[in-house]
């Protein structure tokens, strides 16, 4: 399978109409990318541990503690419309 075919096929899947100049340009770029991938395949990575991120990723969580908050009456105090301890909002239908 040639790079030109790959470019035309991918463009067709993406519903792109490419000119012959664009096909040639992208074909050259695709060829360069594939050559680089082949070059990367030759690199010895046997001593490298697989990772998903280049740096350590961790979450910082605060302690899950209860604290004073609004009562339902305080939360609804400034609501333009409310009923049965619920906010009344307009329907959004598209």
N, C-alpha and C. Protein backbone atom coordinates (compact mmCIF):
# COMPACT_ATOMS: atom_id res chain seq x y z
N UNK A 1 0.85 -1.17 0.00
CA UNK A 1 0.00 0.00 0.00
C UNK A 1 0.90 1.24 0.00
N UNK A 2 0.65 2.16 -0.89
CA UNK A 2 1.51 3.34 -1.00
C UNK A 2 1.01 4.46 -0.12
N UNK A 3 1.90 5.42 0.14
CA UNK A 3 1.52 6.57 0.96
C UNK A 3 0.48 7.41 0.24
N UNK A 4 0.54 7.46 -1.10
CA UNK A 4 -0.45 8.23 -1.86
C UNK A 4 -1.84 7.64 -1.66
N UNK A 5 -1.91 6.31 -1.68
CA UNK A 5 -3.19 5.65 -1.45
C UNK A 5 -3.69 5.96 -0.05
N UNK A 6 -2.80 5.89 0.95
CA UNK A 6 -3.18 6.18 2.32
C UNK A 6 -3.72 7.60 2.46
N UNK A 7 -3.07 8.56 1.81
CA UNK A 7 -3.50 9.95 1.89
C UNK A 7 -4.88 10.10 1.24
N UNK A 8 -5.05 9.54 0.07
CA UNK A 8 -6.35 9.65 -0.62
C UNK A 8 -7.45 8.95 0.19
N UNK A 9 -7.16 7.78 0.71
CA UNK A 9 -8.15 7.02 1.47
C UNK A 9 -8.53 7.77 2.75
N UNK A 10 -7.54 8.29 3.46
CA UNK A 10 -7.80 9.04 4.69
C UNK A 10 -8.59 10.31 4.39
N UNK A 11 -8.25 10.98 3.31
CA UNK A 11 -8.98 12.19 2.91
C UNK A 11 -10.43 11.84 2.59
N UNK A 12 -10.63 10.71 1.93
CA UNK A 12 -11.99 10.28 1.60
C UNK A 12 -12.78 9.99 2.88
N UNK A 13 -12.16 9.32 3.85
CA UNK A 13 -12.83 9.03 5.11
C UNK A 13 -13.22 10.32 5.85
N UNK A 14 -12.35 11.33 5.73
CA UNK A 14 -12.60 12.61 6.40
C UNK A 14 -13.46 13.54 5.54
N UNK A 15 -13.86 13.04 4.37
CA UNK A 15 -14.67 13.82 3.42
C UNK A 15 -13.96 15.11 3.02
N UNK A 16 -12.67 14.99 2.74
CA UNK A 16 -11.86 16.11 2.28
C UNK A 16 -11.59 15.95 0.79
N UNK A 17 -11.72 17.01 0.06
CA UNK A 17 -11.37 17.01 -1.35
C UNK A 17 -9.99 17.63 -1.49
N UNK A 18 -8.98 16.81 -1.71
CA UNK A 18 -7.61 17.29 -1.82
C UNK A 18 -7.22 17.39 -3.29
N UNK A 19 -6.47 18.44 -3.58
CA UNK A 19 -5.92 18.57 -4.92
C UNK A 19 -4.73 17.62 -5.06
N UNK A 20 -4.27 17.43 -6.28
CA UNK A 20 -3.11 16.56 -6.51
C UNK A 20 -1.87 17.12 -5.81
N UNK A 21 -1.76 18.45 -5.77
CA UNK A 21 -0.62 19.07 -5.06
C UNK A 21 -0.67 18.76 -3.57
N UNK A 22 -1.87 18.83 -2.99
CA UNK A 22 -2.02 18.53 -1.58
C UNK A 22 -1.73 17.06 -1.29
N UNK A 23 -2.19 16.18 -2.18
CA UNK A 23 -1.91 14.75 -2.00
C UNK A 23 -0.41 14.51 -2.01
N UNK A 24 0.30 15.14 -2.95
CA UNK A 24 1.75 14.98 -3.03
C UNK A 24 2.44 15.52 -1.78
N UNK A 25 1.97 16.68 -1.30
CA UNK A 25 2.56 17.29 -0.10
C UNK A 25 2.35 16.38 1.11
N UNK A 26 1.12 15.92 1.31
CA UNK A 26 0.81 15.08 2.46
C UNK A 26 1.46 13.70 2.34
N UNK A 27 1.63 13.23 1.11
CA UNK A 27 2.30 11.96 0.89
C UNK A 27 3.75 12.05 1.36
N UNK A 28 4.42 13.16 1.03
CA UNK A 28 5.80 13.36 1.48
C UNK A 28 5.86 13.43 3.00
N UNK A 29 4.93 14.14 3.60
CA UNK A 29 4.91 14.27 5.06
C UNK A 29 4.63 12.92 5.72
N UNK A 30 3.69 12.16 5.17
CA UNK A 30 3.37 10.84 5.72
C UNK A 30 4.57 9.90 5.60
N UNK A 31 5.26 9.97 4.49
CA UNK A 31 6.45 9.14 4.31
C UNK A 31 7.50 9.47 5.36
N UNK A 32 7.69 10.77 5.64
CA UNK A 32 8.65 11.18 6.67
C UNK A 32 8.25 10.67 8.05
N UNK A 33 6.97 10.74 8.35
CA UNK A 33 6.48 10.27 9.65
C UNK A 33 6.71 8.77 9.78
N UNK A 34 6.37 8.01 8.74
CA UNK A 34 6.54 6.56 8.79
C UNK A 34 8.01 6.17 8.87
N UNK A 35 8.89 6.90 8.21
CA UNK A 35 10.33 6.64 8.32
C UNK A 35 10.80 6.90 9.74
N UNK A 36 10.29 7.94 10.38
CA UNK A 36 10.68 8.25 11.75
C UNK A 36 10.18 7.17 12.71
N UNK A 37 8.97 6.67 12.47
CA UNK A 37 8.44 5.59 13.31
C UNK A 37 9.33 4.36 13.18
N UNK A 38 9.75 4.04 11.98
CA UNK A 38 10.65 2.91 11.79
C UNK A 38 11.96 3.13 12.54
N UNK A 39 12.45 4.36 12.53
CA UNK A 39 13.69 4.70 13.25
C UNK A 39 13.48 4.50 14.76
N UNK A 40 12.31 4.90 15.27
CA UNK A 40 12.02 4.74 16.70
C UNK A 40 11.91 3.27 17.09
N UNK A 41 11.45 2.43 16.18
CA UNK A 41 11.32 1.00 16.47
C UNK A 41 12.68 0.36 16.73
N UNK A 42 13.75 0.96 16.21
CA UNK A 42 15.08 0.38 16.39
C UNK A 42 15.74 0.80 17.71
N UNK A 43 15.12 1.69 18.46
CA UNK A 43 15.69 2.17 19.72
C UNK A 43 15.51 1.09 20.79
N UNK A 44 16.58 0.82 21.55
CA UNK A 44 16.53 -0.18 22.62
C UNK A 44 15.88 0.44 23.85
N UNK A 45 14.70 -0.01 24.18
CA UNK A 45 13.98 0.49 25.35
C UNK A 45 13.76 -0.61 26.39
N UNK A 46 14.59 -1.64 26.34
CA UNK A 46 14.41 -2.78 27.23
C UNK A 46 14.57 -2.39 28.71
N UNK A 47 15.36 -1.38 29.02
CA UNK A 47 15.57 -0.98 30.41
C UNK A 47 14.67 0.17 30.84
N UNK A 48 13.73 0.57 30.01
CA UNK A 48 12.87 1.71 30.32
C UNK A 48 11.52 1.20 30.81
N UNK A 49 11.12 1.70 31.97
CA UNK A 49 9.84 1.29 32.54
C UNK A 49 8.70 1.99 31.80
N UNK A 50 7.67 1.25 31.42
CA UNK A 50 6.54 1.89 30.72
C UNK A 50 5.84 2.89 31.63
N UNK A 51 5.49 4.03 31.09
CA UNK A 51 4.77 5.05 31.85
C UNK A 51 3.70 5.68 30.97
N UNK A 52 2.69 6.22 31.61
CA UNK A 52 1.65 6.93 30.89
C UNK A 52 1.93 8.43 30.87
N UNK A 53 2.76 8.90 31.82
CA UNK A 53 3.06 10.32 31.92
C UNK A 53 4.57 10.50 32.12
N UNK A 54 5.08 11.60 31.62
CA UNK A 54 6.51 11.88 31.75
C UNK A 54 6.89 12.24 33.18
N UNK A 55 5.95 12.83 33.90
CA UNK A 55 6.20 13.19 35.29
C UNK A 55 5.20 12.46 36.18
N UNK A 56 5.51 12.39 37.46
CA UNK A 56 4.63 11.70 38.40
C UNK A 56 3.30 12.43 38.50
N UNK A 57 2.23 11.68 38.46
CA UNK A 57 0.89 12.27 38.54
C UNK A 57 0.24 11.76 39.82
N UNK A 58 -0.23 12.69 40.63
CA UNK A 58 -0.92 12.30 41.85
C UNK A 58 -1.95 13.37 42.17
N UNK A 59 -2.98 12.99 42.88
CA UNK A 59 -4.03 13.91 43.28
C UNK A 59 -3.79 14.38 44.70
N UNK A 60 -4.15 15.60 44.95
CA UNK A 60 -4.06 16.16 46.29
C UNK A 60 -5.49 16.32 46.78
N UNK A 61 -5.86 15.51 47.73
CA UNK A 61 -7.22 15.56 48.25
C UNK A 61 -7.21 16.20 49.63
N UNK A 62 -8.24 16.99 49.88
CA UNK A 62 -8.40 17.52 51.23
C UNK A 62 -9.17 16.50 52.05
N UNK A 63 -9.05 16.63 53.33
CA UNK A 63 -9.79 15.72 54.21
C UNK A 63 -11.28 15.95 54.02
N UNK A 64 -12.04 14.89 53.96
CA UNK A 64 -13.48 14.97 53.78
C UNK A 64 -14.13 15.18 55.14
N UNK A 65 -14.29 16.44 55.51
CA UNK A 65 -14.82 16.77 56.82
C UNK A 65 -16.11 17.56 56.67
N UNK A 66 -17.02 17.35 57.58
CA UNK A 66 -18.25 18.14 57.57
C UNK A 66 -17.94 19.54 58.08
N UNK A 67 -18.67 20.49 57.56
CA UNK A 67 -18.50 21.87 58.02
C UNK A 67 -19.82 22.60 57.84
N UNK A 68 -20.00 23.70 58.52
CA UNK A 68 -21.27 24.42 58.42
C UNK A 68 -21.51 24.90 56.99
N UNK A 69 -22.74 24.82 56.56
CA UNK A 69 -23.09 25.23 55.21
C UNK A 69 -24.46 25.85 55.24
N UNK A 70 -25.00 26.15 54.08
CA UNK A 70 -26.32 26.77 54.02
C UNK A 70 -27.41 25.81 54.45
N UNK A 71 -28.39 26.36 55.10
CA UNK A 71 -29.62 25.59 55.33
C UNK A 71 -30.43 25.71 54.04
N UNK A 72 -31.38 24.83 53.81
CA UNK A 72 -32.22 24.96 52.60
C UNK A 72 -32.88 26.34 52.50
N UNK A 73 -33.31 26.88 53.61
CA UNK A 73 -33.95 28.20 53.59
C UNK A 73 -32.96 29.29 53.16
N UNK A 74 -31.72 29.22 53.65
CA UNK A 74 -30.70 30.21 53.26
C UNK A 74 -30.34 30.07 51.78
N UNK A 75 -30.26 28.84 51.29
CA UNK A 75 -29.90 28.62 49.89
C UNK A 75 -30.99 29.16 48.97
N UNK A 76 -32.24 29.06 49.38
CA UNK A 76 -33.35 29.50 48.53
C UNK A 76 -33.75 30.95 48.77
N UNK A 77 -33.10 31.63 49.69
CA UNK A 77 -33.50 32.98 50.08
C UNK A 77 -33.49 33.96 48.89
N UNK A 78 -32.53 33.89 48.02
CA UNK A 78 -32.43 34.83 46.90
C UNK A 78 -32.94 34.25 45.59
N UNK A 79 -33.49 33.07 45.62
CA UNK A 79 -33.99 32.45 44.39
C UNK A 79 -35.23 33.20 43.91
N UNK A 80 -35.28 33.52 42.61
CA UNK A 80 -36.47 34.21 42.10
C UNK A 80 -37.75 33.38 42.27
N UNK A 81 -37.61 32.05 42.08
CA UNK A 81 -38.76 31.16 42.23
C UNK A 81 -38.30 29.88 42.91
N UNK A 82 -39.10 29.42 43.88
CA UNK A 82 -38.80 28.15 44.54
C UNK A 82 -40.09 27.59 45.12
N UNK A 83 -40.08 26.26 45.26
CA UNK A 83 -41.24 25.57 45.85
C UNK A 83 -40.76 24.23 46.39
N UNK A 84 -41.30 23.82 47.50
CA UNK A 84 -40.96 22.53 48.13
C UNK A 84 -39.45 22.37 48.32
N UNK A 85 -38.79 23.40 48.72
CA UNK A 85 -37.34 23.43 48.93
C UNK A 85 -36.55 23.08 47.66
N UNK A 86 -37.08 23.49 46.50
CA UNK A 86 -36.40 23.29 45.22
C UNK A 86 -36.37 24.60 44.44
N UNK A 87 -35.36 24.78 43.63
CA UNK A 87 -35.29 25.91 42.73
C UNK A 87 -36.23 25.66 41.55
N UNK A 88 -37.00 26.64 41.14
CA UNK A 88 -37.85 26.53 39.96
C UNK A 88 -37.12 27.28 38.84
N UNK A 89 -36.83 26.55 37.76
CA UNK A 89 -36.13 27.16 36.62
C UNK A 89 -36.93 26.91 35.36
N UNK A 90 -36.74 27.76 34.32
CA UNK A 90 -37.48 27.54 33.08
C UNK A 90 -36.98 26.30 32.34
N UNK A 91 -37.88 25.67 31.58
CA UNK A 91 -37.50 24.53 30.77
C UNK A 91 -36.54 24.98 29.68
N UNK A 92 -35.59 24.13 29.36
CA UNK A 92 -34.68 24.39 28.25
C UNK A 92 -34.84 23.24 27.26
N UNK A 93 -35.49 23.53 26.16
CA UNK A 93 -35.72 22.51 25.14
C UNK A 93 -35.26 23.07 23.79
N UNK A 94 -34.44 22.32 23.13
CA UNK A 94 -33.96 22.76 21.81
C UNK A 94 -34.61 21.94 20.74
